Amino acid sequence: MAVEEYLRSGKVIQAPSDTPSRLFKDKYGVFTTIEIFMGRDRRGELRGCIGFPQAVYNTVNGVIRSAIAAAVEDPRFEPMRIEELSRVTFEVSILSPLELLEPGNPRNYPEKIIVGRHGIVIQKGYYSGLLLPQVPVEYCWDSLTFLNEGCTKAFLPPDCWLDEDTSVLIYEAQIFKEVEPNGEVAERDLMEELKVCKNTNH
């Protein structure tokens, strides 16, 4: 495991020899989220989340580097210790290319953003904030709240997305998560998870 080897020796591993060749050719944005495990049916406590919105590395190296960065470089947390690995789960999000929402009519943005499918990036000047597609599902946000929280993530006023100088970009993601520490990896179905929010609200 990339993080275990890095915490043990400070070395970045090479991809395993049985890695599918296309993962060396394809380039996508990648994010790794690390959570303290609280149980299979409970949302974990965030321990680190870092990644690359744009395709900086090929997919396999992007996963390796984002996982290490999430473990030791997230400024919100102390670097992970190796003994923590048995208490955390890793989640990897593979991002599609970013798509700029057409500027000029921002009041239509909430209709264009589909919770459970889209992630967002808010950009204005030097400020930028990214929220992954799973975030509004986990917190049962609607698209308006999602936009407001994206602005807050960028250290901007919550309604910054209404400003014509603000760029709002959307993307989709394929998300893979350990079901428990060092356990099996499953692909998340956010639309299915979203039904829990809808049932709760009725």
C-alpha atoms as a PDB file:
ATOM      1  CA  MET A   1       0.000   0.000   0.000  1.00  0.00           C
ATOM      2  CA  ALA A   2       1.360   3.402  -1.018  1.00  0.00           C
ATOM      3  CA  VAL A   3       0.639   5.184   2.262  1.00  0.00           C
ATOM      4  CA  GLU A   4       1.941   2.361   4.445  1.00  0.00           C
ATOM      5  CA  GLU A   5       5.223   2.211   2.524  1.00  0.00           C
ATOM      6  CA  TYR A   6       5.601   5.992   2.609  1.00  0.00           C
ATOM      7  CA  LEU A   7       4.971   6.175   6.360  1.00  0.00           C
ATOM      8  CA  ARG A   8       7.386   3.312   6.919  1.00  0.00           C
ATOM      9  CA  SER A   9      10.263   4.376   4.664  1.00  0.00           C
ATOM     10  CA  GLY A  10       9.493   7.782   3.153  1.00  0.00           C
ATOM     11  CA  LYS A  11       9.536   6.226  -0.323  1.00  0.00           C
ATOM     12  CA  VAL A  12       6.905   6.566  -3.050  1.00  0.00           C
ATOM     13  CA  ILE A  13       6.099   3.087  -4.358  1.00  0.00           C
ATOM     14  CA  GLN A  14       6.047   2.049  -7.989  1.00  0.00           C
ATOM     15  CA  ALA A  15       2.746   0.788  -9.343  1.00  0.00           C
ATOM     16  CA  PRO A  16       2.236  -2.989  -8.920  1.00  0.00           C
ATOM     17  CA  SER A  17       3.228  -5.082 -11.936  1.00  0.00           C
ATOM     18  CA  ASP A  18      -0.344  -6.325 -12.443  1.00  0.00           C
ATOM     19  CA  THR A  19      -1.762  -2.800 -12.819  1.00  0.00           C
ATOM     20  CA  PRO A  20      -3.870  -2.579 -16.032  1.00  0.00           C
ATOM     21  CA  SER A  21      -1.874  -0.817 -18.754  1.00  0.00           C
ATOM     22  CA  ARG A  22      -4.628   1.705 -19.484  1.00  0.00           C
ATOM     23  CA  LEU A  23      -4.161   3.208 -16.009  1.00  0.00           C
ATOM     24  CA  PHE A  24      -0.676   4.264 -17.103  1.00  0.00           C
ATOM     25  CA  LYS A  25      -2.033   5.829 -20.302  1.00  0.00           C
ATOM     26  CA  ASP A  26      -5.197   7.515 -19.030  1.00  0.00           C
ATOM     27  CA  LYS A  27      -4.997  10.831 -17.220  1.00  0.00           C
ATOM     28  CA  TYR A  28      -7.753  12.081 -14.929  1.00  0.00           C
ATOM     29  CA  GLY A  29      -8.084  14.309 -11.911  1.00  0.00           C
ATOM     30  CA  VAL A  30      -7.843  12.262  -8.710  1.00  0.00           C
ATOM     31  CA  PHE A  31      -8.755  12.865  -5.067  1.00  0.00           C
ATOM     32  CA  THR A  32      -8.148  10.644  -2.043  1.00  0.00           C
ATOM     33  CA  THR A  33     -10.267  10.988   1.080  1.00  0.00           C
ATOM     34  CA  ILE A  34      -9.200   9.352   4.351  1.00  0.00           C
ATOM     35  CA  GLU A  35     -11.737   8.861   7.138  1.00  0.00           C
ATOM     36  CA  ILE A  36     -11.565   7.478  10.652  1.00  0.00           C
ATOM     37  CA  PHE A  37     -13.799   4.409  10.524  1.00  0.00           C
ATOM     38  CA  MET A  38     -16.968   4.694  12.628  1.00  0.00           C
ATOM     39  CA  GLY A  39     -18.838   1.645  11.342  1.00  0.00           C
ATOM     40  CA  ARG A  40     -20.176   0.421   8.009  1.00  0.00           C
ATOM     41  CA  ASP A  41     -23.429   2.359   8.260  1.00  0.00           C
ATOM     42  CA  ARG A  42     -22.002   5.589   9.659  1.00  0.00           C
ATOM     43  CA  ARG A  43     -20.132   8.438   8.013  1.00  0.00           C
ATOM     44  CA  GLY A  44     -16.519   8.463   9.123  1.00  0.00           C
ATOM     45  CA  GLU A  45     -14.621  11.388  10.587  1.00  0.00           C
ATOM     46  CA  LEU A  46     -12.433  13.171   8.043  1.00  0.00           C
ATOM     47  CA  ARG A  47      -8.697  12.516   8.483  1.00  0.00           C
ATOM     48  CA  GLY A  48      -7.391  13.979   5.222  1.00  0.00           C
ATOM     49  CA  CYS A  49      -8.442  14.850   1.679  1.00  0.00           C
ATOM     50  CA  ILE A  50      -6.128  16.042  -1.082  1.00  0.00           C
ATOM     51  CA  GLY A  51      -6.001  15.576  -4.808  1.00  0.00           C
ATOM     52  CA  PHE A  52      -5.566  17.007  -8.262  1.00  0.00           C
ATOM     53  CA  PRO A  53      -8.641  18.515  -9.971  1.00  0.00           C
ATOM     54  CA  GLN A  54      -6.870  18.429 -13.329  1.00  0.00           C
ATOM     55  CA  ALA A  55      -5.077  15.504 -14.952  1.00  0.00           C
ATOM     56  CA  VAL A  56      -1.540  16.107 -13.652  1.00  0.00           C
ATOM     57  CA  TYR A  57      -0.426  12.452 -13.547  1.00  0.00           C
ATOM     58  CA  ASN A  58      -1.544   9.247 -15.190  1.00  0.00           C
ATOM     59  CA  THR A  59      -4.315   7.601 -13.195  1.00  0.00           C
ATOM     60  CA  VAL A  60      -2.238   5.132 -11.205  1.00  0.00           C
ATOM     61  CA  ASN A  61       0.402   7.675 -10.175  1.00  0.00           C
ATOM     62  CA  GLY A  62      -2.299  10.221  -9.407  1.00  0.00           C
ATOM     63  CA  VAL A  63      -3.898   7.755  -6.994  1.00  0.00           C
ATOM     64  CA  ILE A  64      -0.573   6.957  -5.319  1.00  0.00           C
ATOM     65  CA  ARG A  65       0.440  10.591  -4.924  1.00  0.00           C
ATOM     66  CA  SER A  66      -2.953  11.863  -3.798  1.00  0.00           C
ATOM     67  CA  ALA A  67      -3.197   9.093  -1.187  1.00  0.00           C
ATOM     68  CA  ILE A  68       0.189  10.005   0.264  1.00  0.00           C
ATOM     69  CA  ALA A  69      -0.646  13.715   0.192  1.00  0.00           C
ATOM     70  CA  ALA A  70      -3.980  13.136   1.954  1.00  0.00           C
ATOM     71  CA  ALA A  71      -2.153  11.192   4.661  1.00  0.00           C
ATOM     72  CA  VAL A  72       0.685  13.592   5.394  1.00  0.00           C
ATOM     73  CA  GLU A  73       0.145  16.953   3.664  1.00  0.00           C
ATOM     74  CA  ASP A  74      -3.408  18.055   4.507  1.00  0.00           C
ATOM     75  CA  PRO A  75      -2.773  21.278   6.488  1.00  0.00           C
ATOM     76  CA  ARG A  76      -5.915  20.745   8.569  1.00  0.00           C
ATOM     77  CA  PHE A  77      -4.456  17.669  10.271  1.00  0.00           C
ATOM     78  CA  GLU A  78      -1.269  16.303  11.753  1.00  0.00           C
ATOM     79  CA  PRO A  79       0.525  13.855   9.427  1.00  0.00           C
ATOM     80  CA  MET A  80      -0.768  10.321   9.837  1.00  0.00           C
ATOM     81  CA  ARG A  81       1.140   7.758  11.858  1.00  0.00           C
ATOM     82  CA  ILE A  82       1.501   4.211  10.622  1.00  0.00           C
ATOM     83  CA  GLU A  83      -0.475   2.787  13.551  1.00  0.00           C
ATOM     84  CA  GLU A  84      -3.535   4.745  12.380  1.00  0.00           C
ATOM     85  CA  LEU A  85      -3.864   2.678   9.197  1.00  0.00           C
ATOM     86  CA  SER A  86      -5.884  -0.011  10.970  1.00  0.00           C
ATOM     87  CA  ARG A  87      -8.482   2.600  11.978  1.00  0.00           C
ATOM     88  CA  VAL A  88      -9.067   4.480   8.716  1.00  0.00           C
ATOM     89  CA  THR A  89     -10.616   3.885   5.307  1.00  0.00           C
ATOM     90  CA  PHE A  90      -9.442   5.237   1.966  1.00  0.00           C
ATOM     91  CA  GLU A  91     -11.728   6.533  -0.761  1.00  0.00           C
ATOM     92  CA  VAL A  92     -10.528   7.402  -4.270  1.00  0.00           C
ATOM     93  CA  SER A  93     -12.468   9.665  -6.637  1.00  0.00           C
ATOM     94  CA  ILE A  94     -11.537   9.642 -10.339  1.00  0.00           C
ATOM     95  CA  LEU A  95     -12.686  12.928 -11.878  1.00  0.00           C
ATOM     96  CA  SER A  96     -13.972  13.670 -15.360  1.00  0.00           C
ATOM     97  CA  PRO A  97     -12.677  16.826 -17.110  1.00  0.00           C
ATOM     98  CA  LEU A  98     -14.019  20.057 -15.614  1.00  0.00           C
ATOM     99  CA  GLU A  99     -16.859  21.754 -17.500  1.00  0.00           C
ATOM    100  CA  LEU A 100     -17.488  25.489 -17.149  1.00  0.00           C
ATOM    101  CA  LEU A 101     -21.131  26.402 -16.613  1.00  0.00           C
ATOM    102  CA  GLU A 102     -22.151  29.026 -19.133  1.00  0.00           C
ATOM    103  CA  PRO A 103     -21.637  32.458 -17.563  1.00  0.00           C
ATOM    104  CA  GLY A 104     -24.188  35.244 -17.824  1.00  0.00           C
ATOM    105  CA  ASN A 105     -27.162  33.664 -16.090  1.00  0.00           C
ATOM    106  CA  PRO A 106     -25.966  32.252 -12.757  1.00  0.00           C
ATOM    107  CA  ARG A 107     -29.490  31.991 -11.319  1.00  0.00           C
ATOM    108  CA  ASN A 108     -29.886  28.948 -13.567  1.00  0.00           C
ATOM    109  CA  TYR A 109     -26.894  27.188 -12.003  1.00  0.00           C
ATOM    110  CA  PRO A 110     -28.911  25.302  -9.334  1.00  0.00           C
ATOM    111  CA  GLU A 111     -30.967  23.702 -12.118  1.00  0.00           C
ATOM    112  CA  LYS A 112     -27.841  22.621 -13.996  1.00  0.00           C
ATOM    113  CA  ILE A 113     -26.210  20.934 -11.012  1.00  0.00           C
ATOM    114  CA  ILE A 114     -27.475  17.433 -10.255  1.00  0.00           C
ATOM    115  CA  VAL A 115     -26.821  16.374  -6.677  1.00  0.00           C
ATOM    116  CA  GLY A 116     -25.510  12.820  -6.694  1.00  0.00           C
ATOM    117  CA  ARG A 117     -23.856  13.250 -10.078  1.00  0.00           C
ATOM    118  CA  HIS A 118     -21.897  16.493 -10.094  1.00  0.00           C
ATOM    119  CA  GLY A 119     -19.035  17.886  -8.092  1.00  0.00           C
ATOM    120  CA  ILE A 120     -18.270  21.597  -8.258  1.00  0.00           C
ATOM    121  CA  VAL A 121     -15.319  23.957  -8.414  1.00  0.00           C
ATOM    122  CA  ILE A 122     -15.805  27.627  -7.533  1.00  0.00           C
ATOM    123  CA  GLN A 123     -13.175  30.073  -8.817  1.00  0.00           C
ATOM    124  CA  LYS A 124     -12.870  33.815  -8.405  1.00  0.00           C
ATOM    125  CA  GLY A 125      -9.566  35.600  -8.740  1.00  0.00           C
ATOM    126  CA  TYR A 126      -7.020  33.869  -6.533  1.00  0.00           C
ATOM    127  CA  TYR A 127      -9.734  31.980  -4.646  1.00  0.00           C
ATOM    128  CA  SER A 128     -10.803  28.451  -5.478  1.00  0.00           C
ATOM    129  CA  GLY A 129     -12.819  25.755  -3.739  1.00  0.00           C
ATOM    130  CA  LEU A 130     -13.683  22.196  -4.759  1.00  0.00           C
ATOM    131  CA  LEU A 131     -16.363  19.907  -3.353  1.00  0.00           C
ATOM    132  CA  LEU A 132     -16.589  16.278  -4.426  1.00  0.00           C
ATOM    133  CA  PRO A 133     -19.928  14.827  -5.652  1.00  0.00           C
ATOM    134  CA  GLN A 134     -20.326  12.693  -2.527  1.00  0.00           C
ATOM    135  CA  VAL A 135     -20.304  15.697  -0.175  1.00  0.00           C
ATOM    136  CA  PRO A 136     -23.854  17.000  -0.829  1.00  0.00           C
ATOM    137  CA  VAL A 137     -25.165  13.429  -0.715  1.00  0.00           C
ATOM    138  CA  GLU A 138     -23.576  12.774   2.677  1.00  0.00           C
ATOM    139  CA  TYR A 139     -25.009  16.001   4.104  1.00  0.00           C
ATOM    140  CA  CYS A 140     -28.346  15.864   2.227  1.00  0.00           C
ATOM    141  CA  TRP A 141     -27.819  19.271   0.591  1.00  0.00           C
ATOM    142  CA  ASP A 142     -29.839  20.561  -2.342  1.00  0.00           C
ATOM    143  CA  SER A 143     -28.031  22.181  -5.288  1.00  0.00           C
ATOM    144  CA  LEU A 144     -28.458  25.698  -3.878  1.00  0.00           C
ATOM    145  CA  THR A 145     -26.841  24.747  -0.578  1.00  0.00           C
ATOM    146  CA  PHE A 146     -24.133  22.912  -2.531  1.00  0.00           C
ATOM    147  CA  LEU A 147     -23.259  26.114  -4.411  1.00  0.00           C
ATOM    148  CA  ASN A 148     -23.273  28.166  -1.216  1.00  0.00           C
ATOM    149  CA  GLU A 149     -20.990  25.675   0.516  1.00  0.00           C
ATOM    150  CA  GLY A 150     -18.680  25.645  -2.503  1.00  0.00           C
ATOM    151  CA  CYS A 151     -18.257  29.393  -2.164  1.00  0.00           C
ATOM    152  CA  THR A 152     -17.553  29.019   1.545  1.00  0.00           C
ATOM    153  CA  LYS A 153     -14.936  26.358   0.747  1.00  0.00           C
ATOM    154  CA  ALA A 154     -13.263  28.946  -1.512  1.00  0.00           C
ATOM    155  CA  PHE A 155     -13.246  31.457   1.393  1.00  0.00           C
ATOM    156  CA  LEU A 156     -15.801  33.600  -0.429  1.00  0.00           C
ATOM    157  CA  PRO A 157     -19.287  34.811   0.577  1.00  0.00           C
ATOM    158  CA  PRO A 158     -21.912  32.025   0.264  1.00  0.00           C
ATOM    159  CA  ASP A 159     -23.651  33.749  -2.646  1.00  0.00           C
ATOM    160  CA  CYS A 160     -20.431  34.333  -4.606  1.00  0.00           C
ATOM    161  CA  TRP A 161     -21.709  32.077  -7.415  1.00  0.00           C
ATOM    162  CA  LEU A 162     -24.191  34.815  -8.368  1.00  0.00           C
ATOM    163  CA  ASP A 163     -21.291  37.180  -9.146  1.00  0.00           C
ATOM    164  CA  GLU A 164     -20.497  37.422 -12.866  1.00  0.00           C
ATOM    165  CA  ASP A 165     -16.784  37.346 -12.014  1.00  0.00           C
ATOM    166  CA  THR A 166     -17.126  33.900 -10.431  1.00  0.00           C
ATOM    167  CA  SER A 167     -16.559  30.757 -12.502  1.00  0.00           C
ATOM    168  CA  VAL A 168     -18.542  27.639 -11.606  1.00  0.00           C
ATOM    169  CA  LEU A 169     -17.272  24.350 -13.022  1.00  0.00           C
ATOM    170  CA  ILE A 170     -18.862  20.927 -12.732  1.00  0.00           C
ATOM    171  CA  TYR A 171     -17.540  17.407 -13.171  1.00  0.00           C
ATOM    172  CA  GLU A 172     -18.497  13.812 -12.455  1.00  0.00           C
ATOM    173  CA  ALA A 173     -16.538  11.175 -10.568  1.00  0.00           C
ATOM    174  CA  GLN A 174     -16.182   7.440 -10.218  1.00  0.00           C
ATOM    175  CA  ILE A 175     -15.752   6.731  -6.515  1.00  0.00           C
ATOM    176  CA  PHE A 176     -14.178   3.668  -4.887  1.00  0.00           C
ATOM    177  CA  LYS A 177     -14.150   3.187  -1.123  1.00  0.00           C
ATOM    178  CA  GLU A 178     -12.916   0.629   1.378  1.00  0.00           C
ATOM    179  CA  VAL A 179     -15.935  -0.763   3.237  1.00  0.00           C
ATOM    180  CA  GLU A 180     -13.786  -1.080   6.373  1.00  0.00           C
ATOM    181  CA  PRO A 181     -10.097  -0.554   7.245  1.00  0.00           C
ATOM    182  CA  ASN A 182      -7.934  -2.750   4.990  1.00  0.00           C
ATOM    183  CA  GLY A 183     -11.169  -4.258   3.677  1.00  0.00           C
ATOM    184  CA  GLU A 184     -12.830  -4.808   0.337  1.00  0.00           C
ATOM    185  CA  VAL A 185     -13.209  -1.907  -2.082  1.00  0.00           C
ATOM    186  CA  ALA A 186     -16.633  -1.080  -3.503  1.00  0.00           C
ATOM    187  CA  GLU A 187     -17.810   1.501  -6.018  1.00  0.00           C
ATOM    188  CA  ARG A 188     -20.245   4.012  -4.537  1.00  0.00           C
ATOM    189  CA  ASP A 189     -23.661   4.633  -6.115  1.00  0.00           C
ATOM    190  CA  LEU A 190     -24.456   8.187  -5.052  1.00  0.00           C
ATOM    191  CA  MET A 191     -27.902   8.216  -6.623  1.00  0.00           C
ATOM    192  CA  GLU A 192     -28.819   5.185  -4.545  1.00  0.00           C
ATOM    193  CA  GLU A 193     -27.382   6.798  -1.412  1.00  0.00           C
ATOM    194  CA  LEU A 194     -29.349   9.963  -2.162  1.00  0.00           C
ATOM    195  CA  LYS A 195     -32.602   8.055  -1.639  1.00  0.00           C
ATOM    196  CA  VAL A 196     -31.837   8.003   2.082  1.00  0.00           C
ATOM    197  CA  CYS A 197     -31.970  11.812   2.103  1.00  0.00           C
ATOM    198  CA  LYS A 198     -35.251  11.852   0.216  1.00  0.00           C
ATOM    199  CA  ASN A 199     -36.809   9.292   2.533  1.00  0.00           C
ATOM    200  CA  THR A 200     -35.619  11.253   5.563  1.00  0.00           C
ATOM    201  CA  ASN A 201     -37.135  14.470   4.245  1.00  0.00           C
ATOM    202  CA  HIS A 202     -40.604  12.979   3.671  1.00  0.00           C
END
